[in-house]
Amino acid sequence: MSALSSDTHPKMEALQIRLWRQASPTRKMHMLAQLNASARMLALAGLRSQYPQASEAELRRRLASLILGEELTSKVYGEILHAK
């Protein structure tokens, strides 16, 4: 099997893969939910940095655009209201 991470010792990587395989479906869904939450937090932090004057509503709208795409987001949330 090829390495998933070049910075992880092969024995530790094998252990991680074994633990993933042994995890219950509920545990796997919990891990996935945590990863999604982390990705959203990082994306939101990037948006705050890029648009420091934006309101929380605008930032949530921009995050939705990243996740859903602009076309669907515009249909659901309307156009972006830019910060002044």
PDB file of N, CA and C in Angstrom:
ATOM      1  N   MET A   1       0.851  -1.189   0.000  1.00  0.00           N
ATOM      2  CA  MET A   1       0.000   0.000   0.000  1.00  0.00           C
ATOM      3  C   MET A   1       0.892   1.246   0.000  1.00  0.00           C
ATOM      4  N   SER A   2       0.539   2.238  -0.777  1.00  0.00           N
ATOM      5  CA  SER A   2       1.312   3.475  -0.823  1.00  0.00           C
ATOM      6  C   SER A   2       0.958   4.348   0.380  1.00  0.00           C
ATOM      7  N   ALA A   3       1.886   5.212   0.739  1.00  0.00           N
ATOM      8  CA  ALA A   3       1.705   6.089   1.894  1.00  0.00           C
ATOM      9  C   ALA A   3       0.656   7.154   1.607  1.00  0.00           C
ATOM     10  N   LEU A   4      -0.161   7.434   2.610  1.00  0.00           N
ATOM     11  CA  LEU A   4      -1.140   8.513   2.501  1.00  0.00           C
ATOM     12  C   LEU A   4      -0.487   9.859   2.809  1.00  0.00           C
ATOM     13  N   SER A   5       0.469   9.842   3.746  1.00  0.00           N
ATOM     14  CA  SER A   5       1.142  11.070   4.159  1.00  0.00           C
ATOM     15  C   SER A   5       2.643  10.831   4.161  1.00  0.00           C
ATOM     16  N   SER A   6       3.362  11.708   3.510  1.00  0.00           N
ATOM     17  CA  SER A   6       4.816  11.554   3.450  1.00  0.00           C
ATOM     18  C   SER A   6       5.491  11.861   4.781  1.00  0.00           C
ATOM     19  N   ASP A   7       4.783  12.547   5.690  1.00  0.00           N
ATOM     20  CA  ASP A   7       5.386  12.916   6.970  1.00  0.00           C
ATOM     21  C   ASP A   7       4.963  12.003   8.119  1.00  0.00           C
ATOM     22  N   THR A   8       4.320  10.882   7.816  1.00  0.00           N
ATOM     23  CA  THR A   8       3.853   9.957   8.845  1.00  0.00           C
ATOM     24  C   THR A   8       4.603   8.639   8.709  1.00  0.00           C
ATOM     25  N   HIS A   9       5.099   8.148   9.826  1.00  0.00           N
ATOM     26  CA  HIS A   9       5.809   6.873   9.829  1.00  0.00           C
ATOM     27  C   HIS A   9       4.854   5.780   9.348  1.00  0.00           C
ATOM     28  N   PRO A  10       5.331   4.885   8.494  1.00  0.00           N
ATOM     29  CA  PRO A  10       4.456   3.844   7.940  1.00  0.00           C
ATOM     30  C   PRO A  10       3.723   3.001   8.992  1.00  0.00           C
ATOM     31  N   LYS A  11       4.381   2.716  10.119  1.00  0.00           N
ATOM     32  CA  LYS A  11       3.709   1.926  11.166  1.00  0.00           C
ATOM     33  C   LYS A  11       2.551   2.713  11.787  1.00  0.00           C
ATOM     34  N   MET A  12       2.757   3.996  11.974  1.00  0.00           N
ATOM     35  CA  MET A  12       1.693   4.825  12.552  1.00  0.00           C
ATOM     36  C   MET A  12       0.548   4.996  11.556  1.00  0.00           C
ATOM     37  N   GLU A  13       0.894   5.109  10.287  1.00  0.00           N
ATOM     38  CA  GLU A  13      -0.139   5.218   9.259  1.00  0.00           C
ATOM     39  C   GLU A  13      -0.961   3.928   9.182  1.00  0.00           C
ATOM     40  N   ALA A  14      -0.294   2.788   9.265  1.00  0.00           N
ATOM     41  CA  ALA A  14      -1.000   1.504   9.246  1.00  0.00           C
ATOM     42  C   ALA A  14      -1.935   1.394  10.452  1.00  0.00           C
ATOM     43  N   LEU A  15      -1.476   1.860  11.614  1.00  0.00           N
ATOM     44  CA  LEU A  15      -2.322   1.851  12.804  1.00  0.00           C
ATOM     45  C   LEU A  15      -3.541   2.754  12.601  1.00  0.00           C
ATOM     46  N   GLN A  16      -3.323   3.928  12.044  1.00  0.00           N
ATOM     47  CA  GLN A  16      -4.433   4.858  11.806  1.00  0.00           C
ATOM     48  C   GLN A  16      -5.467   4.237  10.865  1.00  0.00           C
ATOM     49  N   ILE A  17      -5.000   3.616   9.795  1.00  0.00           N
ATOM     50  CA  ILE A  17      -5.913   2.984   8.842  1.00  0.00           C
ATOM     51  C   ILE A  17      -6.680   1.849   9.516  1.00  0.00           C
ATOM     52  N   ARG A  18      -5.994   1.061  10.328  1.00  0.00           N
ATOM     53  CA  ARG A  18      -6.671  -0.025  11.058  1.00  0.00           C
ATOM     54  C   ARG A  18      -7.757   0.525  11.985  1.00  0.00           C
ATOM     55  N   LEU A  19      -7.447   1.611  12.677  1.00  0.00           N
ATOM     56  CA  LEU A  19      -8.429   2.219  13.581  1.00  0.00           C
ATOM     57  C   LEU A  19      -9.625   2.767  12.804  1.00  0.00           C
ATOM     58  N   TRP A  20      -9.374   3.376  11.636  1.00  0.00           N
ATOM     59  CA  TRP A  20     -10.480   3.858  10.805  1.00  0.00           C
ATOM     60  C   TRP A  20     -11.377   2.702  10.382  1.00  0.00           C
ATOM     61  N   ARG A  21     -10.766   1.609   9.981  1.00  0.00           N
ATOM     62  CA  ARG A  21     -11.540   0.450   9.533  1.00  0.00           C
ATOM     63  C   ARG A  21     -12.347  -0.166  10.658  1.00  0.00           C
ATOM     64  N   GLN A  22     -11.822  -0.123  11.876  1.00  0.00           N
ATOM     65  CA  GLN A  22     -12.514  -0.708  13.023  1.00  0.00           C
ATOM     66  C   GLN A  22     -13.595   0.206  13.598  1.00  0.00           C
ATOM     67  N   ALA A  23     -13.563   1.455  13.262  1.00  0.00           N
ATOM     68  CA  ALA A  23     -14.515   2.417  13.830  1.00  0.00           C
ATOM     69  C   ALA A  23     -15.933   2.076  13.380  1.00  0.00           C
ATOM     70  N   SER A  24     -16.870   2.296  14.272  1.00  0.00           N
ATOM     71  CA  SER A  24     -18.273   2.064  13.946  1.00  0.00           C
ATOM     72  C   SER A  24     -18.740   3.118  12.940  1.00  0.00           C
ATOM     73  N   PRO A  25     -19.816   2.825  12.224  1.00  0.00           N
ATOM     74  CA  PRO A  25     -20.360   3.837  11.310  1.00  0.00           C
ATOM     75  C   PRO A  25     -20.694   5.148  12.030  1.00  0.00           C
ATOM     76  N   THR A  26     -21.200   5.053  13.246  1.00  0.00           N
ATOM     77  CA  THR A  26     -21.519   6.258  14.016  1.00  0.00           C
ATOM     78  C   THR A  26     -20.261   7.062  14.294  1.00  0.00           C
ATOM     79  N   ARG A  27     -19.188   6.377  14.677  1.00  0.00           N
ATOM     80  CA  ARG A  27     -17.918   7.053  14.954  1.00  0.00           C
ATOM     81  C   ARG A  27     -17.369   7.697  13.676  1.00  0.00           C
ATOM     82  N   LYS A  28     -17.473   6.998  12.557  1.00  0.00           N
ATOM     83  CA  LYS A  28     -16.999   7.554  11.292  1.00  0.00           C
ATOM     84  C   LYS A  28     -17.789   8.806  10.920  1.00  0.00           C
ATOM     85  N   MET A  29     -19.096   8.784  11.123  1.00  0.00           N
ATOM     86  CA  MET A  29     -19.907   9.972  10.832  1.00  0.00           C
ATOM     87  C   MET A  29     -19.529  11.127  11.754  1.00  0.00           C
ATOM     88  N   HIS A  30     -19.242  10.819  13.021  1.00  0.00           N
ATOM     89  CA  HIS A  30     -18.821  11.852  13.966  1.00  0.00           C
ATOM     90  C   HIS A  30     -17.491  12.471  13.507  1.00  0.00           C
ATOM     91  N   MET A  31     -16.543  11.632  13.082  1.00  0.00           N
ATOM     92  CA  MET A  31     -15.255  12.145  12.600  1.00  0.00           C
ATOM     93  C   MET A  31     -15.466  13.027  11.363  1.00  0.00           C
ATOM     94  N   LEU A  32     -16.333  12.594  10.477  1.00  0.00           N
ATOM     95  CA  LEU A  32     -16.625  13.375   9.274  1.00  0.00           C
ATOM     96  C   LEU A  32     -17.257  14.718   9.630  1.00  0.00           C
ATOM     97  N   ALA A  33     -18.175  14.712  10.585  1.00  0.00           N
ATOM     98  CA  ALA A  33     -18.805  15.960  11.024  1.00  0.00           C
ATOM     99  C   ALA A  33     -17.757  16.910  11.608  1.00  0.00           C
ATOM    100  N   GLN A  34     -16.814  16.367  12.374  1.00  0.00           N
ATOM    101  CA  GLN A  34     -15.750  17.198  12.935  1.00  0.00           C
ATOM    102  C   GLN A  34     -14.869  17.783  11.832  1.00  0.00           C
ATOM    103  N   LEU A  35     -14.546  16.978  10.823  1.00  0.00           N
ATOM    104  CA  LEU A  35     -13.744  17.477   9.708  1.00  0.00           C
ATOM    105  C   LEU A  35     -14.479  18.584   8.953  1.00  0.00           C
ATOM    106  N   ASN A  36     -15.765  18.392   8.725  1.00  0.00           N
ATOM    107  CA  ASN A  36     -16.556  19.420   8.036  1.00  0.00           C
ATOM    108  C   ASN A  36     -16.605  20.707   8.843  1.00  0.00           C
ATOM    109  N   ALA A  37     -16.793  20.581  10.155  1.00  0.00           N
ATOM    110  CA  ALA A  37     -16.830  21.777  11.009  1.00  0.00           C
ATOM    111  C   ALA A  37     -15.498  22.510  10.971  1.00  0.00           C
ATOM    112  N   SER A  38     -14.402  21.754  10.992  1.00  0.00           N
ATOM    113  CA  SER A  38     -13.078  22.373  10.930  1.00  0.00           C
ATOM    114  C   SER A  38     -12.868  23.081   9.592  1.00  0.00           C
ATOM    115  N   ALA A  39     -13.278  22.442   8.516  1.00  0.00           N
ATOM    116  CA  ALA A  39     -13.132  23.057   7.187  1.00  0.00           C
ATOM    117  C   ALA A  39     -13.945  24.343   7.097  1.00  0.00           C
ATOM    118  N   ARG A  40     -15.151  24.334   7.641  1.00  0.00           N
ATOM    119  CA  ARG A  40     -15.978  25.548   7.635  1.00  0.00           C
ATOM    120  C   ARG A  40     -15.335  26.660   8.457  1.00  0.00           C
ATOM    121  N   MET A  41     -14.787  26.300   9.626  1.00  0.00           N
ATOM    122  CA  MET A  41     -14.120  27.308  10.460  1.00  0.00           C
ATOM    123  C   MET A  41     -12.930  27.922   9.734  1.00  0.00           C
ATOM    124  N   LEU A  42     -12.135  27.088   9.069  1.00  0.00           N
ATOM    125  CA  LEU A  42     -10.985  27.599   8.323  1.00  0.00           C
ATOM    126  C   LEU A  42     -11.426  28.481   7.158  1.00  0.00           C
ATOM    127  N   ALA A  43     -12.453  28.051   6.441  1.00  0.00           N
ATOM    128  CA  ALA A  43     -12.960  28.848   5.325  1.00  0.00           C
ATOM    129  C   ALA A  43     -13.494  30.187   5.826  1.00  0.00           C
ATOM    130  N   LEU A  44     -14.217  30.172   6.933  1.00  0.00           N
ATOM    131  CA  LEU A  44     -14.764  31.405   7.501  1.00  0.00           C
ATOM    132  C   LEU A  44     -13.641  32.331   7.966  1.00  0.00           C
ATOM    133  N   ALA A  45     -12.598  31.767   8.551  1.00  0.00           N
ATOM    134  CA  ALA A  45     -11.452  32.583   8.970  1.00  0.00           C
ATOM    135  C   ALA A  45     -10.798  33.236   7.747  1.00  0.00           C
ATOM    136  N   GLY A  46     -10.675  32.485   6.663  1.00  0.00           N
ATOM    137  CA  GLY A  46     -10.121  33.050   5.438  1.00  0.00           C
ATOM    138  C   GLY A  46     -10.986  34.169   4.889  1.00  0.00           C
ATOM    139  N   LEU A  47     -12.303  33.969   4.927  1.00  0.00           N
ATOM    140  CA  LEU A  47     -13.225  35.007   4.453  1.00  0.00           C
ATOM    141  C   LEU A  47     -13.149  36.249   5.328  1.00  0.00           C
ATOM    142  N   ARG A  48     -13.035  36.075   6.648  1.00  0.00           N
ATOM    143  CA  ARG A  48     -12.907  37.229   7.555  1.00  0.00           C
ATOM    144  C   ARG A  48     -11.648  38.019   7.239  1.00  0.00           C
ATOM    145  N   SER A  49     -10.578  37.288   6.913  1.00  0.00           N
ATOM    146  CA  SER A  49      -9.317  37.943   6.558  1.00  0.00           C
ATOM    147  C   SER A  49      -9.439  38.685   5.226  1.00  0.00           C
ATOM    148  N   GLN A  50     -10.128  38.071   4.283  1.00  0.00           N
ATOM    149  CA  GLN A  50     -10.283  38.660   2.954  1.00  0.00           C
ATOM    150  C   GLN A  50     -11.272  39.825   2.943  1.00  0.00           C
ATOM    151  N   TYR A  51     -12.298  39.753   3.796  1.00  0.00           N
ATOM    152  CA  TYR A  51     -13.345  40.776   3.864  1.00  0.00           C
ATOM    153  C   TYR A  51     -13.493  41.247   5.310  1.00  0.00           C
ATOM    154  N   PRO A  52     -12.506  42.017   5.822  1.00  0.00           N
ATOM    155  CA  PRO A  52     -12.520  42.398   7.243  1.00  0.00           C
ATOM    156  C   PRO A  52     -13.702  43.280   7.646  1.00  0.00           C
ATOM    157  N   GLN A  53     -14.310  43.986   6.707  1.00  0.00           N
ATOM    158  CA  GLN A  53     -15.431  44.865   7.041  1.00  0.00           C
ATOM    159  C   GLN A  53     -16.782  44.176   6.867  1.00  0.00           C
ATOM    160  N   ALA A  54     -16.789  42.940   6.434  1.00  0.00           N
ATOM    161  CA  ALA A  54     -18.045  42.232   6.156  1.00  0.00           C
ATOM    162  C   ALA A  54     -18.785  41.893   7.448  1.00  0.00           C
ATOM    163  N   SER A  55     -20.090  41.955   7.369  1.00  0.00           N
ATOM    164  CA  SER A  55     -20.928  41.555   8.501  1.00  0.00           C
ATOM    165  C   SER A  55     -20.941  40.033   8.594  1.00  0.00           C
ATOM    166  N   GLU A  56     -21.425  39.519   9.720  1.00  0.00           N
ATOM    167  CA  GLU A  56     -21.543  38.066   9.877  1.00  0.00           C
ATOM    168  C   GLU A  56     -22.483  37.491   8.819  1.00  0.00           C
ATOM    169  N   ALA A  57     -23.530  38.220   8.495  1.00  0.00           N
ATOM    170  CA  ALA A  57     -24.475  37.749   7.477  1.00  0.00           C
ATOM    171  C   ALA A  57     -23.792  37.636   6.116  1.00  0.00           C
ATOM    172  N   GLU A  58     -22.978  38.640   5.773  1.00  0.00           N
ATOM    173  CA  GLU A  58     -22.270  38.585   4.493  1.00  0.00           C
ATOM    174  C   GLU A  58     -21.264  37.438   4.485  1.00  0.00           C
ATOM    175  N   LEU A  59     -20.573  37.241   5.602  1.00  0.00           N
ATOM    176  CA  LEU A  59     -19.602  36.155   5.677  1.00  0.00           C
ATOM    177  C   LEU A  59     -20.283  34.790   5.536  1.00  0.00           C
ATOM    178  N   ARG A  60     -21.433  34.624   6.186  1.00  0.00           N
ATOM    179  CA  ARG A  60     -22.181  33.359   6.047  1.00  0.00           C
ATOM    180  C   ARG A  60     -22.625  33.164   4.603  1.00  0.00           C
ATOM    181  N   ARG A  61     -23.039  34.240   3.953  1.00  0.00           N
ATOM    182  CA  ARG A  61     -23.457  34.167   2.547  1.00  0.00           C
ATOM    183  C   ARG A  61     -22.286  33.785   1.653  1.00  0.00           C
ATOM    184  N   ARG A  62     -21.115  34.362   1.912  1.00  0.00           N
ATOM    185  CA  ARG A  62     -19.929  34.034   1.129  1.00  0.00           C
ATOM    186  C   ARG A  62     -19.497  32.586   1.377  1.00  0.00           C
ATOM    187  N   LEU A  63     -19.635  32.127   2.606  1.00  0.00           N
ATOM    188  CA  LEU A  63     -19.324  30.731   2.920  1.00  0.00           C
ATOM    189  C   LEU A  63     -20.275  29.802   2.171  1.00  0.00           C
ATOM    190  N   ALA A  64     -21.540  30.143   2.145  1.00  0.00           N
ATOM    191  CA  ALA A  64     -22.513  29.340   1.403  1.00  0.00           C
ATOM    192  C   ALA A  64     -22.126  29.270  -0.066  1.00  0.00           C
ATOM    193  N   SER A  65     -21.637  30.362  -0.607  1.00  0.00           N
ATOM    194  CA  SER A  65     -21.217  30.390  -2.004  1.00  0.00           C
ATOM    195  C   SER A  65     -20.044  29.447  -2.249  1.00  0.00           C
ATOM    196  N   LEU A  66     -19.122  29.400  -1.302  1.00  0.00           N
ATOM    197  CA  LEU A  66     -17.995  28.475  -1.424  1.00  0.00           C
ATOM    198  C   LEU A  66     -18.466  27.019  -1.402  1.00  0.00           C
ATOM    199  N   ILE A  67     -19.442  26.746  -0.566  1.00  0.00           N
ATOM    200  CA  ILE A  67     -19.902  25.365  -0.385  1.00  0.00           C
ATOM    201  C   ILE A  67     -20.861  24.937  -1.491  1.00  0.00           C
ATOM    202  N   LEU A  68     -21.815  25.789  -1.806  1.00  0.00           N
ATOM    203  CA  LEU A  68     -22.886  25.425  -2.738  1.00  0.00           C
ATOM    204  C   LEU A  68     -22.640  25.865  -4.173  1.00  0.00           C
ATOM    205  N   GLY A  69     -21.738  26.812  -4.356  1.00  0.00           N
ATOM    206  CA  GLY A  69     -21.559  27.430  -5.666  1.00  0.00           C
ATOM    207  C   GLY A  69     -22.417  28.680  -5.740  1.00  0.00           C
ATOM    208  N   GLU A  70     -21.979  29.624  -6.541  1.00  0.00           N
ATOM    209  CA  GLU A  70     -22.648  30.927  -6.584  1.00  0.00           C
ATOM    210  C   GLU A  70     -24.059  30.848  -7.153  1.00  0.00           C
ATOM    211  N   GLU A  71     -24.272  30.033  -8.173  1.00  0.00           N
ATOM    212  CA  GLU A  71     -25.599  29.975  -8.800  1.00  0.00           C
ATOM    213  C   GLU A  71     -26.667  29.515  -7.806  1.00  0.00           C
ATOM    214  N   LEU A  72     -26.421  28.406  -7.133  1.00  0.00           N
ATOM    215  CA  LEU A  72     -27.400  27.896  -6.167  1.00  0.00           C
ATOM    216  C   LEU A  72     -27.538  28.841  -4.973  1.00  0.00           C
ATOM    217  N   THR A  73     -26.413  29.368  -4.496  1.00  0.00           N
ATOM    218  CA  THR A  73     -26.455  30.278  -3.356  1.00  0.00           C
ATOM    219  C   THR A  73     -27.274  31.517  -3.676  1.00  0.00           C
ATOM    220  N   SER A  74     -27.128  32.061  -4.872  1.00  0.00           N
ATOM    221  CA  SER A  74     -27.918  33.231  -5.268  1.00  0.00           C
ATOM    222  C   SER A  74     -29.400  32.916  -5.293  1.00  0.00           C
ATOM    223  N   LYS A  75     -29.744  31.727  -5.753  1.00  0.00           N
ATOM    224  CA  LYS A  75     -31.158  31.332  -5.773  1.00  0.00           C
ATOM    225  C   LYS A  75     -31.721  31.206  -4.361  1.00  0.00           C
ATOM    226  N   VAL A  76     -30.923  30.690  -3.455  1.00  0.00           N
ATOM    227  CA  VAL A  76     -31.388  30.452  -2.082  1.00  0.00           C
ATOM    228  C   VAL A  76     -31.320  31.711  -1.230  1.00  0.00           C
ATOM    229  N   TYR A  77     -30.195  32.438  -1.298  1.00  0.00           N
ATOM    230  CA  TYR A  77     -29.946  33.566  -0.400  1.00  0.00           C
ATOM    231  C   TYR A  77     -30.027  34.935  -1.065  1.00  0.00           C
ATOM    232  N   GLY A  78     -30.107  34.977  -2.378  1.00  0.00           N
ATOM    233  CA  GLY A  78     -30.082  36.261  -3.065  1.00  0.00           C
ATOM    234  C   GLY A  78     -28.657  36.720  -3.292  1.00  0.00           C
ATOM    235  N   GLU A  79     -28.538  37.903  -3.831  1.00  0.00           N
ATOM    236  CA  GLU A  79     -27.213  38.454  -4.149  1.00  0.00           C
ATOM    237  C   GLU A  79     -26.474  38.858  -2.883  1.00  0.00           C
ATOM    238  N   ILE A  80     -25.150  38.943  -2.992  1.00  0.00           N
ATOM    239  CA  ILE A  80     -24.313  39.354  -1.856  1.00  0.00           C
ATOM    240  C   ILE A  80     -24.535  40.836  -1.589  1.00  0.00           C
ATOM    241  N   LEU A  81     -24.743  41.157  -0.335  1.00  0.00           N
ATOM    242  CA  LEU A  81     -24.806  42.554   0.099  1.00  0.00           C
ATOM    243  C   LEU A  81     -23.414  42.917   0.584  1.00  0.00           C
ATOM    244  N   HIS A  82     -22.714  43.725  -0.177  1.00  0.00           N
ATOM    245  CA  HIS A  82     -21.317  44.038   0.140  1.00  0.00           C
ATOM    246  C   HIS A  82     -21.189  44.963   1.329  1.00  0.00           C
ATOM    247  N   ALA A  83     -20.147  44.714   2.124  1.00  0.00           N
ATOM    248  CA  ALA A  83     -19.858  45.574   3.278  1.00  0.00           C
ATOM    249  C   ALA A  83     -19.397  46.936   2.790  1.00  0.00           C
ATOM    250  N   LYS A  84     -19.714  47.933   3.532  1.00  0.00           N
ATOM    251  CA  LYS A  84     -19.309  49.309   3.188  1.00  0.00           C
ATOM    252  C   LYS A  84     -17.911  49.586   3.688  1.00  0.00           C
TER     253      LYS A  84
END
